[in-house]
C-alpha atoms as a PDB file:
ATOM      1  CA  UNK A   1       0.000   0.000   0.000  1.00  0.00           C
ATOM      2  CA  UNK A   2       1.333   3.432  -0.991  1.00  0.00           C
ATOM      3  CA  UNK A   3       1.987   5.916   1.796  1.00  0.00           C
ATOM      4  CA  UNK A   4      -0.319   8.928   1.290  1.00  0.00           C
ATOM      5  CA  UNK A   5       2.582  11.306   2.000  1.00  0.00           C
ATOM      6  CA  UNK A   6       4.311   9.924  -1.122  1.00  0.00           C
ATOM      7  CA  UNK A   7       1.602  11.485  -3.310  1.00  0.00           C
ATOM      8  CA  UNK A   8       2.538  15.065  -2.430  1.00  0.00           C
ATOM      9  CA  UNK A   9       4.373  16.891  -5.218  1.00  0.00           C
ATOM     10  CA  UNK A  10       6.331  20.127  -4.889  1.00  0.00           C
ATOM     11  CA  UNK A  11       4.607  22.701  -7.089  1.00  0.00           C
ATOM     12  CA  UNK A  12       6.039  26.092  -6.072  1.00  0.00           C
ATOM     13  CA  UNK A  13       8.026  28.100  -3.593  1.00  0.00           C
ATOM     14  CA  UNK A  14       6.235  30.253  -1.022  1.00  0.00           C
ATOM     15  CA  UNK A  15       8.080  33.306  -2.328  1.00  0.00           C
ATOM     16  CA  UNK A  16       6.468  32.761  -5.760  1.00  0.00           C
ATOM     17  CA  UNK A  17       2.952  33.197  -4.372  1.00  0.00           C
ATOM     18  CA  UNK A  18       2.188  36.575  -2.779  1.00  0.00           C
ATOM     19  CA  UNK A  19      -0.876  36.951  -0.527  1.00  0.00           C
ATOM     20  CA  UNK A  20      -4.009  37.685  -2.559  1.00  0.00           C
ATOM     21  CA  UNK A  21      -2.730  35.989  -5.725  1.00  0.00           C
ATOM     22  CA  UNK A  22      -3.163  32.762  -7.682  1.00  0.00           C
ATOM     23  CA  UNK A  23      -0.725  30.751  -9.769  1.00  0.00           C
ATOM     24  CA  UNK A  24      -1.354  28.012 -12.317  1.00  0.00           C
ATOM     25  CA  UNK A  25       0.701  24.859 -11.705  1.00  0.00           C
ATOM     26  CA  UNK A  26       0.575  21.245 -12.901  1.00  0.00           C
ATOM     27  CA  UNK A  27       1.030  18.150 -10.717  1.00  0.00           C
ATOM     28  CA  UNK A  28       0.330  14.572 -11.715  1.00  0.00           C
ATOM     29  CA  UNK A  29      -1.060  15.812 -15.035  1.00  0.00           C
ATOM     30  CA  UNK A  30      -3.690  17.910 -13.228  1.00  0.00           C
ATOM     31  CA  UNK A  31      -3.984  21.669 -13.778  1.00  0.00           C
ATOM     32  CA  UNK A  32      -4.152  23.334 -10.361  1.00  0.00           C
ATOM     33  CA  UNK A  33      -4.955  26.850  -9.181  1.00  0.00           C
ATOM     34  CA  UNK A  34      -2.549  27.472  -6.320  1.00  0.00           C
ATOM     35  CA  UNK A  35      -3.946  30.346  -4.259  1.00  0.00           C
ATOM     36  CA  UNK A  36      -2.621  32.350  -1.341  1.00  0.00           C
ATOM     37  CA  UNK A  37      -5.450  34.080   0.474  1.00  0.00           C
ATOM     38  CA  UNK A  38      -5.036  37.580   1.846  1.00  0.00           C
ATOM     39  CA  UNK A  39      -4.218  36.194   5.307  1.00  0.00           C
ATOM     40  CA  UNK A  40      -1.362  34.102   3.849  1.00  0.00           C
ATOM     41  CA  UNK A  41      -3.052  30.677   3.796  1.00  0.00           C
ATOM     42  CA  UNK A  42      -2.259  28.474   0.800  1.00  0.00           C
ATOM     43  CA  UNK A  43      -4.981  26.568  -1.068  1.00  0.00           C
ATOM     44  CA  UNK A  44      -5.098  24.326  -4.149  1.00  0.00           C
ATOM     45  CA  UNK A  45      -8.133  23.812  -6.377  1.00  0.00           C
ATOM     46  CA  UNK A  46      -8.691  22.182  -9.729  1.00  0.00           C
ATOM     47  CA  UNK A  47      -8.013  25.020 -12.151  1.00  0.00           C
ATOM     48  CA  UNK A  48     -11.391  24.996 -13.898  1.00  0.00           C
ATOM     49  CA  UNK A  49     -14.533  26.925 -13.064  1.00  0.00           C
ATOM     50  CA  UNK A  50     -17.381  24.419 -12.775  1.00  0.00           C
ATOM     51  CA  UNK A  51     -19.633  26.735 -14.771  1.00  0.00           C
ATOM     52  CA  UNK A  52     -17.645  27.375 -17.947  1.00  0.00           C
ATOM     53  CA  UNK A  53     -14.274  25.555 -17.868  1.00  0.00           C
ATOM     54  CA  UNK A  54     -12.340  28.814 -17.357  1.00  0.00           C
ATOM     55  CA  UNK A  55      -8.992  28.832 -15.505  1.00  0.00           C
ATOM     56  CA  UNK A  56      -9.648  29.961 -11.929  1.00  0.00           C
ATOM     57  CA  UNK A  57      -5.963  30.859 -11.558  1.00  0.00           C
ATOM     58  CA  UNK A  58      -6.713  33.895 -13.776  1.00  0.00           C
ATOM     59  CA  UNK A  59      -9.375  35.080 -11.319  1.00  0.00           C
ATOM     60  CA  UNK A  60      -9.363  37.552  -8.450  1.00  0.00           C
ATOM     61  CA  UNK A  61      -8.653  36.511  -4.855  1.00  0.00           C
ATOM     62  CA  UNK A  62     -10.574  38.301  -2.120  1.00  0.00           C
ATOM     63  CA  UNK A  63     -10.520  37.115   1.468  1.00  0.00           C
ATOM     64  CA  UNK A  64     -10.871  33.327   1.280  1.00  0.00           C
ATOM     65  CA  UNK A  65     -12.562  33.247  -2.143  1.00  0.00           C
ATOM     66  CA  UNK A  66     -11.559  33.224  -5.792  1.00  0.00           C
ATOM     67  CA  UNK A  67     -13.724  34.728  -8.514  1.00  0.00           C
ATOM     68  CA  UNK A  68     -13.856  33.461 -12.083  1.00  0.00           C
ATOM     69  CA  UNK A  69     -13.056  36.383 -14.366  1.00  0.00           C
ATOM     70  CA  UNK A  70     -15.509  35.423 -17.114  1.00  0.00           C
ATOM     71  CA  UNK A  71     -18.926  35.287 -15.403  1.00  0.00           C
ATOM     72  CA  UNK A  72     -18.223  36.208 -11.777  1.00  0.00           C
ATOM     73  CA  UNK A  73     -18.716  32.845 -10.074  1.00  0.00           C
ATOM     74  CA  UNK A  74     -17.003  32.816  -6.684  1.00  0.00           C
ATOM     75  CA  UNK A  75     -15.682  29.758  -4.849  1.00  0.00           C
ATOM     76  CA  UNK A  76     -14.744  29.154  -1.218  1.00  0.00           C
ATOM     77  CA  UNK A  77     -11.026  28.293  -1.099  1.00  0.00           C
ATOM     78  CA  UNK A  78     -11.492  25.848   1.793  1.00  0.00           C
ATOM     79  CA  UNK A  79     -14.421  23.821   0.472  1.00  0.00           C
ATOM     80  CA  UNK A  80     -14.611  24.573  -3.259  1.00  0.00           C
ATOM     81  CA  UNK A  81     -18.306  25.391  -2.872  1.00  0.00           C
ATOM     82  CA  UNK A  82     -19.732  28.058  -5.178  1.00  0.00           C
ATOM     83  CA  UNK A  83     -20.737  31.239  -3.368  1.00  0.00           C
ATOM     84  CA  UNK A  84     -21.936  33.244  -6.363  1.00  0.00           C
ATOM     85  CA  UNK A  85     -23.934  32.267  -9.445  1.00  0.00           C
ATOM     86  CA  UNK A  86     -23.806  31.235 -12.203  1.00  0.00           C
ATOM     87  CA  UNK A  87     -21.743  28.272 -10.870  1.00  0.00           C
ATOM     88  CA  UNK A  88     -23.768  25.753  -8.866  1.00  0.00           C
ATOM     89  CA  UNK A  89     -21.291  22.837  -8.679  1.00  0.00           C
ATOM     90  CA  UNK A  90     -18.215  22.896  -6.417  1.00  0.00           C
ATOM     91  CA  UNK A  91     -14.632  22.565  -7.602  1.00  0.00           C
ATOM     92  CA  UNK A  92     -12.303  20.006  -6.043  1.00  0.00           C
ATOM     93  CA  UNK A  93      -9.957  21.255  -3.334  1.00  0.00           C
ATOM     94  CA  UNK A  94      -6.640  19.425  -3.033  1.00  0.00           C
ATOM     95  CA  UNK A  95      -4.577  18.787   0.113  1.00  0.00           C
ATOM     96  CA  UNK A  96      -1.652  21.194   0.593  1.00  0.00           C
ATOM     97  CA  UNK A  97       1.477  20.884   2.706  1.00  0.00           C
ATOM     98  CA  UNK A  98       3.987  23.629   3.373  1.00  0.00           C
ATOM     99  CA  UNK A  99       7.628  22.874   4.138  1.00  0.00           C
ATOM    100  CA  UNK A 100       8.491  26.008   6.102  1.00  0.00           C
ATOM    101  CA  UNK A 101      12.195  25.122   6.371  1.00  0.00           C
ATOM    102  CA  UNK A 102      12.564  24.741   2.592  1.00  0.00           C
ATOM    103  CA  UNK A 103       9.974  27.409   1.746  1.00  0.00           C
ATOM    104  CA  UNK A 104       8.131  25.045  -0.601  1.00  0.00           C
ATOM    105  CA  UNK A 105       4.493  24.230  -1.345  1.00  0.00           C
ATOM    106  CA  UNK A 106       3.412  20.621  -1.962  1.00  0.00           C
ATOM    107  CA  UNK A 107       0.062  19.382  -3.310  1.00  0.00           C
ATOM    108  CA  UNK A 108      -1.527  15.926  -3.446  1.00  0.00           C
ATOM    109  CA  UNK A 109      -3.066  15.824  -6.968  1.00  0.00           C
ATOM    110  CA  UNK A 110      -4.882  12.559  -6.167  1.00  0.00           C
ATOM    111  CA  UNK A 111      -6.370  13.788  -2.894  1.00  0.00           C
ATOM    112  CA  UNK A 112      -9.591  15.583  -2.062  1.00  0.00           C
ATOM    113  CA  UNK A 113      -9.834  18.081   0.776  1.00  0.00           C
ATOM    114  CA  UNK A 114     -13.165  19.544  -0.397  1.00  0.00           C
ATOM    115  CA  UNK A 115     -15.106  18.376   2.633  1.00  0.00           C
ATOM    116  CA  UNK A 116     -13.121  19.168   5.808  1.00  0.00           C
END
């Protein structure tokens, strides 16, 4: 049986992701929106709006939400749940680990942290 910790992949450095911004990264063949909320927390979501297949990493971060630039759907960074129409389906949230000593961000592309 594979150790779950083996699935985490380094995707960025903390210094590459300023608070209130998003970055598009790929891990395990999955496109991921890596987001740092305004308080400094790091989140990872599948990088597709559930309404119109638009990259969420191009959206605006406000508080603990990200807004799709095309139609204004907003998603909770912790749960992936839509907070603003037109999206009605959630996006998958992926587990994130931070290695403070190395200053790196790691994501589990096979995991699901959508329902804490």
